[in-house]
Amino acid sequence: MLDACRELGITLIAYQPLASGALTGKYAGGVKPKGLRRFTASFRGKGPQATAPVVALLREIGERYAKTPAQVALRWLIENDSVLPIPGAKNGAQAADNAGALLFALTPDEIETLNKTTLAWRT
C-alpha cells in the first residue's frame, strides 16, 4: 500500500503506528497483552517471533539516543515523507513519550536498517 501511496503522491496516515503496543517493547520476552489487543496479528501465531528482531533493533538504536523503542519507531515513520503517524496514548506519560520522537533524528543508515529489518514483519 505504501508503494501505491508514493506512486500517487498520497500521504499514508499510519493508524496504530506502534502495532497496538508491540513496538514499544513492553510485550517482549513472552509478556502477553490483555484485552482486545491479544487478538491482533502482532500477538498471535508467529507475530511475536516476527516482532522480536524489530523491537531489538529499536532498542539498540534507542540506546544511542537515550530514547525508547516507541520513540524510535515513531521517528522512523516521521522521517518517511509518505507517512503521517498518529500514535495513541492512554495517559500523559504515553503522550509525553510519543512527543519525544520529535526531539532527535535518525541517520540514513539507521533508517535503511529499519526499512530492511521491518520488511519481513510488515509483509
PDB file of N, CA and C in Angstrom:
ATOM      1  N   MET A   1       0.808  -1.176   0.000  1.00  0.00           N
ATOM      2  CA  MET A   1       0.000   0.000   0.000  1.00  0.00           C
ATOM      3  C   MET A   1       0.866   1.261   0.000  1.00  0.00           C
ATOM      4  N   LEU A   2       1.952   1.223   0.780  1.00  0.00           N
ATOM      5  CA  LEU A   2       2.831   2.389   0.846  1.00  0.00           C
ATOM      6  C   LEU A   2       3.423   2.709  -0.523  1.00  0.00           C
ATOM      7  N   ASP A   3       3.785   1.681  -1.278  1.00  0.00           N
ATOM      8  CA  ASP A   3       4.325   1.915  -2.621  1.00  0.00           C
ATOM      9  C   ASP A   3       3.295   2.613  -3.507  1.00  0.00           C
ATOM     10  N   ALA A   4       2.039   2.190  -3.420  1.00  0.00           N
ATOM     11  CA  ALA A   4       0.981   2.827  -4.201  1.00  0.00           C
ATOM     12  C   ALA A   4       0.785   4.274  -3.775  1.00  0.00           C
ATOM     13  N   CYS A   5       0.834   4.542  -2.480  1.00  0.00           N
ATOM     14  CA  CYS A   5       0.710   5.917  -1.990  1.00  0.00           C
ATOM     15  C   CYS A   5       1.844   6.790  -2.519  1.00  0.00           C
ATOM     16  N   ARG A   6       3.059   6.255  -2.485  1.00  0.00           N
ATOM     17  CA  ARG A   6       4.205   7.020  -3.004  1.00  0.00           C
ATOM     18  C   ARG A   6       4.015   7.326  -4.481  1.00  0.00           C
ATOM     19  N   GLU A   7       3.597   6.321  -5.236  1.00  0.00           N
ATOM     20  CA  GLU A   7       3.410   6.486  -6.683  1.00  0.00           C
ATOM     21  C   GLU A   7       2.353   7.545  -6.988  1.00  0.00           C
ATOM     22  N   LEU A   8       1.323   7.614  -6.163  1.00  0.00           N
ATOM     23  CA  LEU A   8       0.227   8.557  -6.387  1.00  0.00           C
ATOM     24  C   LEU A   8       0.417   9.886  -5.657  1.00  0.00           C
ATOM     25  N   GLY A   9       1.502  10.000  -4.890  1.00  0.00           N
ATOM     26  CA  GLY A   9       1.751  11.232  -4.152  1.00  0.00           C
ATOM     27  C   GLY A   9       0.795  11.428  -2.989  1.00  0.00           C
ATOM     28  N   ILE A  10       0.349  10.336  -2.384  1.00  0.00           N
ATOM     29  CA  ILE A  10      -0.602  10.373  -1.284  1.00  0.00           C
ATOM     30  C   ILE A  10       0.125  10.044   0.020  1.00  0.00           C
ATOM     31  N   THR A  11      -0.180  10.788   1.065  1.00  0.00           N
ATOM     32  CA  THR A  11       0.394  10.509   2.372  1.00  0.00           C
ATOM     33  C   THR A  11      -0.441   9.440   3.068  1.00  0.00           C
ATOM     34  N   LEU A  12       0.218   8.428   3.573  1.00  0.00           N
ATOM     35  CA  LEU A  12      -0.433   7.353   4.314  1.00  0.00           C
ATOM     36  C   LEU A  12      -0.550   7.781   5.770  1.00  0.00           C
ATOM     37  N   ILE A  13      -1.761   7.736   6.313  1.00  0.00           N
ATOM     38  CA  ILE A  13      -1.948   8.026   7.728  1.00  0.00           C
ATOM     39  C   ILE A  13      -1.818   6.700   8.469  1.00  0.00           C
ATOM     40  N   ALA A  14      -0.786   6.604   9.285  1.00  0.00           N
ATOM     41  CA  ALA A  14      -0.473   5.357   9.981  1.00  0.00           C
ATOM     42  C   ALA A  14      -1.258   5.294  11.288  1.00  0.00           C
ATOM     43  N   TYR A  15      -2.385   4.596  11.247  1.00  0.00           N
ATOM     44  CA  TYR A  15      -3.180   4.345  12.440  1.00  0.00           C
ATOM     45  C   TYR A  15      -2.546   3.163  13.154  1.00  0.00           C
ATOM     46  N   GLN A  16      -2.384   3.251  14.431  1.00  0.00           N
ATOM     47  CA  GLN A  16      -1.685   2.256  15.238  1.00  0.00           C
ATOM     48  C   GLN A  16      -0.235   2.070  14.772  1.00  0.00           C
ATOM     49  N   PRO A  17       0.520   3.169  14.711  1.00  0.00           N
ATOM     50  CA  PRO A  17       1.898   3.075  14.231  1.00  0.00           C
ATOM     51  C   PRO A  17       2.818   2.265  15.136  1.00  0.00           C
ATOM     52  N   LEU A  18       2.371   1.988  16.354  1.00  0.00           N
ATOM     53  CA  LEU A  18       3.184   1.178  17.267  1.00  0.00           C
ATOM     54  C   LEU A  18       2.648  -0.250  17.346  1.00  0.00           C
ATOM     55  N   ALA A  19       1.844  -0.636  16.350  1.00  0.00           N
ATOM     56  CA  ALA A  19       1.317  -2.003  16.238  1.00  0.00           C
ATOM     57  C   ALA A  19       0.653  -2.462  17.535  1.00  0.00           C
ATOM     58  N   SER A  20      -0.280  -1.647  18.005  1.00  0.00           N
ATOM     59  CA  SER A  20      -1.023  -1.955  19.236  1.00  0.00           C
ATOM     60  C   SER A  20      -0.102  -2.151  20.440  1.00  0.00           C
ATOM     61  N   GLY A  21       1.035  -1.515  20.426  1.00  0.00           N
ATOM     62  CA  GLY A  21       1.979  -1.609  21.532  1.00  0.00           C
ATOM     63  C   GLY A  21       3.094  -2.609  21.323  1.00  0.00           C
ATOM     64  N   ALA A  22       3.006  -3.402  20.265  1.00  0.00           N
ATOM     65  CA  ALA A  22       4.038  -4.421  20.022  1.00  0.00           C
ATOM     66  C   ALA A  22       5.416  -3.800  19.832  1.00  0.00           C
ATOM     67  N   LEU A  23       5.486  -2.595  19.269  1.00  0.00           N
ATOM     68  CA  LEU A  23       6.778  -1.962  19.011  1.00  0.00           C
ATOM     69  C   LEU A  23       7.293  -1.141  20.187  1.00  0.00           C
ATOM     70  N   THR A  24       6.554  -1.110  21.278  1.00  0.00           N
ATOM     71  CA  THR A  24       7.021  -0.377  22.449  1.00  0.00           C
ATOM     72  C   THR A  24       8.051  -1.171  23.234  1.00  0.00           C
ATOM     73  N   GLY A  25       8.067  -2.477  23.042  1.00  0.00           N
ATOM     74  CA  GLY A  25       8.984  -3.335  23.777  1.00  0.00           C
ATOM     75  C   GLY A  25       8.409  -3.865  25.077  1.00  0.00           C
ATOM     76  N   LYS A  26       7.240  -3.354  25.490  1.00  0.00           N
ATOM     77  CA  LYS A  26       6.703  -3.802  26.775  1.00  0.00           C
ATOM     78  C   LYS A  26       6.135  -5.212  26.730  1.00  0.00           C
ATOM     79  N   TYR A  27       5.962  -5.757  25.529  1.00  0.00           N
ATOM     80  CA  TYR A  27       5.459  -7.126  25.402  1.00  0.00           C
ATOM     81  C   TYR A  27       6.547  -8.103  24.959  1.00  0.00           C
ATOM     82  N   ALA A  28       7.790  -7.683  25.048  1.00  0.00           N
ATOM     83  CA  ALA A  28       8.902  -8.561  24.672  1.00  0.00           C
ATOM     84  C   ALA A  28       9.081  -9.651  25.723  1.00  0.00           C
ATOM     85  N   GLY A  29       9.720 -10.707  25.335  1.00  0.00           N
ATOM     86  CA  GLY A  29      10.039 -11.777  26.275  1.00  0.00           C
ATOM     87  C   GLY A  29       8.851 -12.596  26.717  1.00  0.00           C
ATOM     88  N   GLY A  30       7.832 -12.666  25.881  1.00  0.00           N
ATOM     89  CA  GLY A  30       6.694 -13.520  26.196  1.00  0.00           C
ATOM     90  C   GLY A  30       5.608 -12.877  27.029  1.00  0.00           C
ATOM     91  N   VAL A  31       5.739 -11.591  27.347  1.00  0.00           N
ATOM     92  CA  VAL A  31       4.685 -10.898  28.092  1.00  0.00           C
ATOM     93  C   VAL A  31       3.463 -10.807  27.189  1.00  0.00           C
ATOM     94  N   LYS A  32       2.327 -11.251  27.688  1.00  0.00           N
ATOM     95  CA  LYS A  32       1.091 -11.282  26.895  1.00  0.00           C
ATOM     96  C   LYS A  32       0.251 -10.029  27.175  1.00  0.00           C
ATOM     97  N   PRO A  33      -0.301  -9.439  26.132  1.00  0.00           N
ATOM     98  CA  PRO A  33      -1.179  -8.287  26.332  1.00  0.00           C
ATOM     99  C   PRO A  33      -2.547  -8.740  26.840  1.00  0.00           C
ATOM    100  N   LYS A  34      -3.255  -7.807  27.432  1.00  0.00           N
ATOM    101  CA  LYS A  34      -4.619  -8.069  27.893  1.00  0.00           C
ATOM    102  C   LYS A  34      -5.584  -7.368  26.956  1.00  0.00           C
ATOM    103  N   GLY A  35      -6.825  -7.706  27.078  1.00  0.00           N
ATOM    104  CA  GLY A  35      -7.855  -7.045  26.287  1.00  0.00           C
ATOM    105  C   GLY A  35      -7.846  -7.488  24.830  1.00  0.00           C
ATOM    106  N   LEU A  36      -8.431  -6.654  24.001  1.00  0.00           N
ATOM    107  CA  LEU A  36      -8.597  -6.995  22.583  1.00  0.00           C
ATOM    108  C   LEU A  36      -7.292  -7.103  21.817  1.00  0.00           C
ATOM    109  N   ARG A  37      -6.272  -6.382  22.254  1.00  0.00           N
ATOM    110  CA  ARG A  37      -5.011  -6.414  21.503  1.00  0.00           C
ATOM    111  C   ARG A  37      -4.413  -7.819  21.438  1.00  0.00           C
ATOM    112  N   ARG A  38      -4.747  -8.669  22.386  1.00  0.00           N
ATOM    113  CA  ARG A  38      -4.193 -10.030  22.360  1.00  0.00           C
ATOM    114  C   ARG A  38      -4.649 -10.800  21.124  1.00  0.00           C
ATOM    115  N   PHE A  39      -5.665 -10.295  20.432  1.00  0.00           N
ATOM    116  CA  PHE A  39      -6.167 -10.961  19.237  1.00  0.00           C
ATOM    117  C   PHE A  39      -5.556 -10.416  17.947  1.00  0.00           C
ATOM    118  N   THR A  40      -4.737  -9.367  18.042  1.00  0.00           N
ATOM    119  CA  THR A  40      -4.150  -8.795  16.837  1.00  0.00           C
ATOM    120  C   THR A  40      -2.978  -9.644  16.343  1.00  0.00           C
ATOM    121  N   ALA A  41      -2.652  -9.501  15.092  1.00  0.00           N
ATOM    122  CA  ALA A  41      -1.622 -10.332  14.447  1.00  0.00           C
ATOM    123  C   ALA A  41      -0.262 -10.230  15.139  1.00  0.00           C
ATOM    124  N   SER A  42       0.046  -9.086  15.698  1.00  0.00           N
ATOM    125  CA  SER A  42       1.355  -8.909  16.339  1.00  0.00           C
ATOM    126  C   SER A  42       1.532  -9.791  17.571  1.00  0.00           C
ATOM    127  N   PHE A  43       0.435 -10.272  18.126  1.00  0.00           N
ATOM    128  CA  PHE A  43       0.498 -11.047  19.362  1.00  0.00           C
ATOM    129  C   PHE A  43       0.018 -12.486  19.209  1.00  0.00           C
ATOM    130  N   ARG A  44      -0.287 -12.891  18.007  1.00  0.00           N
ATOM    131  CA  ARG A  44      -0.786 -14.245  17.764  1.00  0.00           C
ATOM    132  C   ARG A  44       0.143 -14.996  16.822  1.00  0.00           C
ATOM    133  N   GLY A  45       0.091 -16.312  16.898  1.00  0.00           N
ATOM    134  CA  GLY A  45       0.869 -17.148  15.991  1.00  0.00           C
ATOM    135  C   GLY A  45       2.339 -16.778  15.984  1.00  0.00           C
ATOM    136  N   LYS A  46       2.841 -16.486  14.795  1.00  0.00           N
ATOM    137  CA  LYS A  46       4.259 -16.136  14.640  1.00  0.00           C
ATOM    138  C   LYS A  46       4.524 -14.647  14.825  1.00  0.00           C
ATOM    139  N   GLY A  47       3.483 -13.895  15.151  1.00  0.00           N
ATOM    140  CA  GLY A  47       3.633 -12.450  15.332  1.00  0.00           C
ATOM    141  C   GLY A  47       4.722 -12.052  16.307  1.00  0.00           C
ATOM    142  N   PRO A  48       4.735 -12.629  17.530  1.00  0.00           N
ATOM    143  CA  PRO A  48       5.784 -12.254  18.477  1.00  0.00           C
ATOM    144  C   PRO A  48       7.198 -12.578  17.975  1.00  0.00           C
ATOM    145  N   GLN A  49       7.354 -13.702  17.267  1.00  0.00           N
ATOM    146  CA  GLN A  49       8.673 -14.056  16.720  1.00  0.00           C
ATOM    147  C   GLN A  49       9.100 -13.066  15.651  1.00  0.00           C
ATOM    148  N   ALA A  50       8.156 -12.629  14.829  1.00  0.00           N
ATOM    149  CA  ALA A  50       8.467 -11.679  13.765  1.00  0.00           C
ATOM    150  C   ALA A  50       8.761 -10.290  14.327  1.00  0.00           C
ATOM    151  N   THR A  51       8.111  -9.947  15.429  1.00  0.00           N
ATOM    152  CA  THR A  51       8.292  -8.631  16.031  1.00  0.00           C
ATOM    153  C   THR A  51       9.597  -8.525  16.811  1.00  0.00           C
ATOM    154  N   ALA A  52      10.071  -9.626  17.376  1.00  0.00           N
ATOM    155  CA  ALA A  52      11.245  -9.606  18.263  1.00  0.00           C
ATOM    156  C   ALA A  52      12.480  -8.937  17.650  1.00  0.00           C
ATOM    157  N   PRO A  53      12.886  -9.271  16.399  1.00  0.00           N
ATOM    158  CA  PRO A  53      14.078  -8.600  15.860  1.00  0.00           C
ATOM    159  C   PRO A  53      13.863  -7.108  15.620  1.00  0.00           C
ATOM    160  N   VAL A  54      12.637  -6.726  15.328  1.00  0.00           N
ATOM    161  CA  VAL A  54      12.338  -5.307  15.120  1.00  0.00           C
ATOM    162  C   VAL A  54      12.480  -4.558  16.443  1.00  0.00           C
ATOM    163  N   VAL A  55      11.894  -5.112  17.502  1.00  0.00           N
ATOM    164  CA  VAL A  55      11.985  -4.467  18.813  1.00  0.00           C
ATOM    165  C   VAL A  55      13.437  -4.421  19.284  1.00  0.00           C
ATOM    166  N   ALA A  56      14.190  -5.470  19.030  1.00  0.00           N
ATOM    167  CA  ALA A  56      15.609  -5.479  19.412  1.00  0.00           C
ATOM    168  C   ALA A  56      16.362  -4.352  18.708  1.00  0.00           C
ATOM    169  N   LEU A  57      16.095  -4.155  17.425  1.00  0.00           N
ATOM    170  CA  LEU A  57      16.751  -3.072  16.685  1.00  0.00           C
ATOM    171  C   LEU A  57      16.289  -1.710  17.194  1.00  0.00           C
ATOM    172  N   LEU A  58      15.006  -1.562  17.485  1.00  0.00           N
ATOM    173  CA  LEU A  58      14.512  -0.297  18.030  1.00  0.00           C
ATOM    174  C   LEU A  58      15.196   0.023  19.351  1.00  0.00           C
ATOM    175  N   ARG A  59      15.384  -1.004  20.189  1.00  0.00           N
ATOM    176  CA  ARG A  59      16.090  -0.808  21.461  1.00  0.00           C
ATOM    177  C   ARG A  59      17.547  -0.390  21.223  1.00  0.00           C
ATOM    178  N   GLU A  60      18.196  -1.094  20.301  1.00  0.00           N
ATOM    179  CA  GLU A  60      19.602  -0.805  20.009  1.00  0.00           C
ATOM    180  C   GLU A  60      19.781   0.635  19.537  1.00  0.00           C
ATOM    181  N   ILE A  61      18.956   1.049  18.606  1.00  0.00           N
ATOM    182  CA  ILE A  61      19.049   2.433  18.115  1.00  0.00           C
ATOM    183  C   ILE A  61      18.682   3.406  19.226  1.00  0.00           C
ATOM    184  N   GLY A  62      17.648   3.083  19.986  1.00  0.00           N
ATOM    185  CA  GLY A  62      17.212   3.956  21.065  1.00  0.00           C
ATOM    186  C   GLY A  62      18.286   4.193  22.105  1.00  0.00           C
ATOM    187  N   GLU A  63      19.101   3.187  22.375  1.00  0.00           N
ATOM    188  CA  GLU A  63      20.187   3.340  23.359  1.00  0.00           C
ATOM    189  C   GLU A  63      21.183   4.408  22.921  1.00  0.00           C
ATOM    190  N   ARG A  64      21.371   4.564  21.628  1.00  0.00           N
ATOM    191  CA  ARG A  64      22.306   5.588  21.123  1.00  0.00           C
ATOM    192  C   ARG A  64      21.826   7.001  21.437  1.00  0.00           C
ATOM    193  N   TYR A  65      20.512   7.160  21.515  1.00  0.00           N
ATOM    194  CA  TYR A  65      19.922   8.488  21.696  1.00  0.00           C
ATOM    195  C   TYR A  65      19.225   8.653  23.049  1.00  0.00           C
ATOM    196  N   ALA A  66      19.276   7.643  23.889  1.00  0.00           N
ATOM    197  CA  ALA A  66      18.527   7.627  25.156  1.00  0.00           C
ATOM    198  C   ALA A  66      17.028   7.783  24.877  1.00  0.00           C
ATOM    199  N   LYS A  67      16.545   7.007  23.918  1.00  0.00           N
ATOM    200  CA  LYS A  67      15.131   7.027  23.513  1.00  0.00           C
ATOM    201  C   LYS A  67      14.539   5.634  23.652  1.00  0.00           C
ATOM    202  N   THR A  68      13.228   5.576  23.779  1.00  0.00           N
ATOM    203  CA  THR A  68      12.525   4.302  23.909  1.00  0.00           C
ATOM    204  C   THR A  68      12.324   3.667  22.535  1.00  0.00           C
ATOM    205  N   PRO A  69      12.048   2.357  22.503  1.00  0.00           N
ATOM    206  CA  PRO A  69      11.720   1.727  21.220  1.00  0.00           C
ATOM    207  C   PRO A  69      10.546   2.423  20.519  1.00  0.00           C
ATOM    208  N   ALA A  70       9.549   2.827  21.295  1.00  0.00           N
ATOM    209  CA  ALA A  70       8.393   3.512  20.699  1.00  0.00           C
ATOM    210  C   ALA A  70       8.809   4.820  20.041  1.00  0.00           C
ATOM    211  N   GLN A  71       9.677   5.576  20.695  1.00  0.00           N
ATOM    212  CA  GLN A  71      10.133   6.839  20.121  1.00  0.00           C
ATOM    213  C   GLN A  71      10.913   6.624  18.835  1.00  0.00           C
ATOM    214  N   VAL A  72      11.725   5.589  18.791  1.00  0.00           N
ATOM    215  CA  VAL A  72      12.483   5.288  17.575  1.00  0.00           C
ATOM    216  C   VAL A  72      11.532   4.865  16.462  1.00  0.00           C
ATOM    217  N   ALA A  73      10.548   4.030  16.780  1.00  0.00           N
ATOM    218  CA  ALA A  73       9.581   3.591  15.767  1.00  0.00           C
ATOM    219  C   ALA A  73       8.822   4.788  15.197  1.00  0.00           C
ATOM    220  N   LEU A  74       8.372   5.666  16.068  1.00  0.00           N
ATOM    221  CA  LEU A  74       7.652   6.856  15.590  1.00  0.00           C
ATOM    222  C   LEU A  74       8.560   7.762  14.776  1.00  0.00           C
ATOM    223  N   ARG A  75       9.807   7.926  15.225  1.00  0.00           N
ATOM    224  CA  ARG A  75      10.755   8.776  14.484  1.00  0.00           C
ATOM    225  C   ARG A  75      11.000   8.213  13.092  1.00  0.00           C
ATOM    226  N   TRP A  76      11.116   6.886  12.996  1.00  0.00           N
ATOM    227  CA  TRP A  76      11.330   6.237  11.707  1.00  0.00           C
ATOM    228  C   TRP A  76      10.181   6.573  10.761  1.00  0.00           C
ATOM    229  N   LEU A  77       8.955   6.552  11.269  1.00  0.00           N
ATOM    230  CA  LEU A  77       7.808   6.897  10.431  1.00  0.00           C
ATOM    231  C   LEU A  77       7.787   8.382  10.097  1.00  0.00           C
ATOM    232  N   ILE A  78       8.145   9.218  11.051  1.00  0.00           N
ATOM    233  CA  ILE A  78       8.184  10.669  10.812  1.00  0.00           C
ATOM    234  C   ILE A  78       9.197  11.006   9.723  1.00  0.00           C
ATOM    235  N   GLU A  79      10.294  10.284   9.690  1.00  0.00           N
ATOM    236  CA  GLU A  79      11.347  10.536   8.698  1.00  0.00           C
ATOM    237  C   GLU A  79      10.905  10.153   7.280  1.00  0.00           C
ATOM    238  N   ASN A  80       9.821   9.409   7.163  1.00  0.00           N
ATOM    239  CA  ASN A  80       9.300   8.991   5.865  1.00  0.00           C
ATOM    240  C   ASN A  80       8.293  10.038   5.384  1.00  0.00           C
ATOM    241  N   ASP A  81       8.614  10.715   4.298  1.00  0.00           N
ATOM    242  CA  ASP A  81       7.748  11.784   3.784  1.00  0.00           C
ATOM    243  C   ASP A  81       6.369  11.302   3.362  1.00  0.00           C
ATOM    244  N   SER A  82       6.202  10.009   3.159  1.00  0.00           N
ATOM    245  CA  SER A  82       4.926   9.464   2.694  1.00  0.00           C
ATOM    246  C   SER A  82       4.040   8.958   3.819  1.00  0.00           C
ATOM    247  N   VAL A  83       4.485   9.115   5.069  1.00  0.00           N
ATOM    248  CA  VAL A  83       3.745   8.554   6.200  1.00  0.00           C
ATOM    249  C   VAL A  83       3.516   9.622   7.270  1.00  0.00           C
ATOM    250  N   LEU A  84       2.299   9.644   7.802  1.00  0.00           N
ATOM    251  CA  LEU A  84       1.962  10.502   8.922  1.00  0.00           C
ATOM    252  C   LEU A  84       1.483   9.599  10.056  1.00  0.00           C
ATOM    253  N   PRO A  85       2.329   9.373  11.074  1.00  0.00           N
ATOM    254  CA  PRO A  85       1.910   8.503  12.175  1.00  0.00           C
ATOM    255  C   PRO A  85       0.988   9.238  13.148  1.00  0.00           C
ATOM    256  N   ILE A  86      -0.036   8.545  13.606  1.00  0.00           N
ATOM    257  CA  ILE A  86      -0.943   9.079  14.617  1.00  0.00           C
ATOM    258  C   ILE A  86      -0.946   8.097  15.778  1.00  0.00           C
ATOM    259  N   PRO A  87      -0.009   8.273  16.721  1.00  0.00           N
ATOM    260  CA  PRO A  87       0.057   7.336  17.841  1.00  0.00           C
ATOM    261  C   PRO A  87      -1.018   7.628  18.879  1.00  0.00           C
ATOM    262  N   GLY A  88      -1.516   6.580  19.483  1.00  0.00           N
ATOM    263  CA  GLY A  88      -2.466   6.740  20.575  1.00  0.00           C
ATOM    264  C   GLY A  88      -1.726   6.878  21.889  1.00  0.00           C
ATOM    265  N   ALA A  89      -2.444   7.347  22.892  1.00  0.00           N
ATOM    266  CA  ALA A  89      -1.885   7.464  24.236  1.00  0.00           C
ATOM    267  C   ALA A  89      -3.020   7.291  25.233  1.00  0.00           C
ATOM    268  N   LYS A  90      -2.800   6.438  26.210  1.00  0.00           N
ATOM    269  CA  LYS A  90      -3.810   6.211  27.244  1.00  0.00           C
ATOM    270  C   LYS A  90      -3.650   7.155  28.427  1.00  0.00           C
ATOM    271  N   ASN A  91      -2.490   7.804  28.513  1.00  0.00           N
ATOM    272  CA  ASN A  91      -2.242   8.696  29.642  1.00  0.00           C
ATOM    273  C   ASN A  91      -1.179   9.731  29.250  1.00  0.00           C
ATOM    274  N   GLY A  92      -0.937  10.658  30.147  1.00  0.00           N
ATOM    275  CA  GLY A  92       0.026  11.721  29.878  1.00  0.00           C
ATOM    276  C   GLY A  92       1.438  11.226  29.662  1.00  0.00           C
ATOM    277  N   ALA A  93       1.818  10.173  30.386  1.00  0.00           N
ATOM    278  CA  ALA A  93       3.175   9.637  30.234  1.00  0.00           C
ATOM    279  C   ALA A  93       3.378   9.084  28.826  1.00  0.00           C
ATOM    280  N   GLN A  94       2.372   8.384  28.301  1.00  0.00           N
ATOM    281  CA  GLN A  94       2.490   7.866  26.935  1.00  0.00           C
ATOM    282  C   GLN A  94       2.509   9.000  25.918  1.00  0.00           C
ATOM    283  N   ALA A  95       1.712  10.029  26.139  1.00  0.00           N
ATOM    284  CA  ALA A  95       1.713  11.180  25.226  1.00  0.00           C
ATOM    285  C   ALA A  95       3.075  11.868  25.238  1.00  0.00           C
ATOM    286  N   ALA A  96       3.656  12.028  26.429  1.00  0.00           N
ATOM    287  CA  ALA A  96       4.986  12.645  26.531  1.00  0.00           C
ATOM    288  C   ALA A  96       6.037  11.778  25.860  1.00  0.00           C
ATOM    289  N   ASP A  97       5.923  10.459  26.037  1.00  0.00           N
ATOM    290  CA  ASP A  97       6.860   9.548  25.391  1.00  0.00           C
ATOM    291  C   ASP A  97       6.749   9.674  23.870  1.00  0.00           C
ATOM    292  N   ASN A  98       5.532   9.719  23.370  1.00  0.00           N
ATOM    293  CA  ASN A  98       5.329   9.880  21.923  1.00  0.00           C
ATOM    294  C   ASN A  98       5.966  11.177  21.428  1.00  0.00           C
ATOM    295  N   ALA A  99       5.788  12.247  22.180  1.00  0.00           N
ATOM    296  CA  ALA A  99       6.340  13.544  21.778  1.00  0.00           C
ATOM    297  C   ALA A  99       7.863  13.519  21.734  1.00  0.00           C
ATOM    298  N   GLY A 100       8.485  12.636  22.506  1.00  0.00           N
ATOM    299  CA  GLY A 100       9.939  12.512  22.491  1.00  0.00           C
ATOM    300  C   GLY A 100      10.488  12.099  21.139  1.00  0.00           C
ATOM    301  N   ALA A 101       9.637  11.576  20.270  1.00  0.00           N
ATOM    302  CA  ALA A 101      10.070  11.208  18.915  1.00  0.00           C
ATOM    303  C   ALA A 101      10.416  12.434  18.079  1.00  0.00           C
ATOM    304  N   LEU A 102       9.993  13.595  18.523  1.00  0.00           N
ATOM    305  CA  LEU A 102      10.259  14.827  17.773  1.00  0.00           C
ATOM    306  C   LEU A 102      11.595  15.468  18.129  1.00  0.00           C
ATOM    307  N   LEU A 103      12.298  14.898  19.107  1.00  0.00           N
ATOM    308  CA  LEU A 103      13.488  15.551  19.653  1.00  0.00           C
ATOM    309  C   LEU A 103      14.815  15.000  19.159  1.00  0.00           C
ATOM    310  N   PHE A 104      14.786  14.164  18.149  1.00  0.00           N
ATOM    311  CA  PHE A 104      16.032  13.625  17.603  1.00  0.00           C
ATOM    312  C   PHE A 104      15.786  13.225  16.157  1.00  0.00           C
ATOM    313  N   ALA A 105      16.828  12.853  15.466  1.00  0.00           N
ATOM    314  CA  ALA A 105      16.719  12.404  14.075  1.00  0.00           C
ATOM    315  C   ALA A 105      17.535  11.127  13.910  1.00  0.00           C
ATOM    316  N   LEU A 106      17.083  10.295  13.019  1.00  0.00           N
ATOM    317  CA  LEU A 106      17.802   9.068  12.688  1.00  0.00           C
ATOM    318  C   LEU A 106      18.758   9.329  11.528  1.00  0.00           C
ATOM    319  N   THR A 107      19.822   8.568  11.485  1.00  0.00           N
ATOM    320  CA  THR A 107      20.751   8.683  10.362  1.00  0.00           C
ATOM    321  C   THR A 107      20.166   7.932   9.168  1.00  0.00           C
ATOM    322  N   PRO A 108      20.617   8.243   7.961  1.00  0.00           N
ATOM    323  CA  PRO A 108      20.167   7.479   6.794  1.00  0.00           C
ATOM    324  C   PRO A 108      20.454   5.985   6.928  1.00  0.00           C
ATOM    325  N   ASP A 109      21.582   5.633   7.523  1.00  0.00           N
ATOM    326  CA  ASP A 109      21.904   4.213   7.726  1.00  0.00           C
ATOM    327  C   ASP A 109      20.919   3.544   8.684  1.00  0.00           C
ATOM    328  N   GLU A 110      20.537   4.246   9.748  1.00  0.00           N
ATOM    329  CA  GLU A 110      19.565   3.686  10.690  1.00  0.00           C
ATOM    330  C   GLU A 110      18.205   3.492  10.029  1.00  0.00           C
ATOM    331  N   ILE A 111      17.804   4.455   9.218  1.00  0.00           N
ATOM    332  CA  ILE A 111      16.528   4.355   8.504  1.00  0.00           C
ATOM    333  C   ILE A 111      16.556   3.159   7.561  1.00  0.00           C
ATOM    334  N   GLU A 112      17.641   3.009   6.830  1.00  0.00           N
ATOM    335  CA  GLU A 112      17.766   1.883   5.893  1.00  0.00           C
ATOM    336  C   GLU A 112      17.755   0.548   6.627  1.00  0.00           C
ATOM    337  N   THR A 113      18.441   0.480   7.756  1.00  0.00           N
ATOM    338  CA  THR A 113      18.452  -0.754   8.543  1.00  0.00           C
ATOM    339  C   THR A 113      17.053  -1.073   9.056  1.00  0.00           C
ATOM    340  N   LEU A 114      16.329  -0.065   9.520  1.00  0.00           N
ATOM    341  CA  LEU A 114      14.949  -0.282   9.956  1.00  0.00           C
ATOM    342  C   LEU A 114      14.063  -0.717   8.795  1.00  0.00           C
ATOM    343  N   ASN A 115      14.251  -0.097   7.644  1.00  0.00           N
ATOM    344  CA  ASN A 115      13.469  -0.492   6.460  1.00  0.00           C
ATOM    345  C   ASN A 115      13.685  -1.963   6.139  1.00  0.00           C
ATOM    346  N   LYS A 116      14.929  -2.390   6.148  1.00  0.00           N
ATOM    347  CA  LYS A 116      15.244  -3.787   5.812  1.00  0.00           C
ATOM    348  C   LYS A 116      14.770  -4.748   6.897  1.00  0.00           C
ATOM    349  N   THR A 117      14.999  -4.402   8.153  1.00  0.00           N
ATOM    350  CA  THR A 117      14.643  -5.297   9.255  1.00  0.00           C
ATOM    351  C   THR A 117      13.133  -5.456   9.381  1.00  0.00           C
ATOM    352  N   THR A 118      12.393  -4.423   9.083  1.00  0.00           N
ATOM    353  CA  THR A 118      10.941  -4.493   9.225  1.00  0.00           C
ATOM    354  C   THR A 118      10.237  -5.064   8.008  1.00  0.00           C
ATOM    355  N   LEU A 119      10.939  -5.244   6.921  1.00  0.00           N
ATOM    356  CA  LEU A 119      10.300  -5.708   5.691  1.00  0.00           C
ATOM    357  C   LEU A 119       9.565  -7.036   5.881  1.00  0.00           C
ATOM    358  N   ALA A 120      10.228  -8.016   6.462  1.00  0.00           N
ATOM    359  CA  ALA A 120       9.587  -9.321   6.670  1.00  0.00           C
ATOM    360  C   ALA A 120       8.421  -9.202   7.632  1.00  0.00           C
ATOM    361  N   TRP A 121       8.545  -8.363   8.637  1.00  0.00           N
ATOM    362  CA  TRP A 121       7.492  -8.188   9.626  1.00  0.00           C
ATOM    363  C   TRP A 121       6.280  -7.477   9.035  1.00  0.00           C
ATOM    364  N   ARG A 122       6.518  -6.520   8.137  1.00  0.00           N
ATOM    365  CA  ARG A 122       5.432  -5.731   7.548  1.00  0.00           C
ATOM    366  C   ARG A 122       4.665  -6.486   6.475  1.00  0.00           C
ATOM    367  N   THR A 123       5.250  -7.528   5.907  1.00  0.00           N
ATOM    368  CA  THR A 123       4.571  -8.219   4.798  1.00  0.00           C
ATOM    369  C   THR A 123       3.922  -9.508   5.232  1.00  0.00           C
TER     370      THR A 123
END
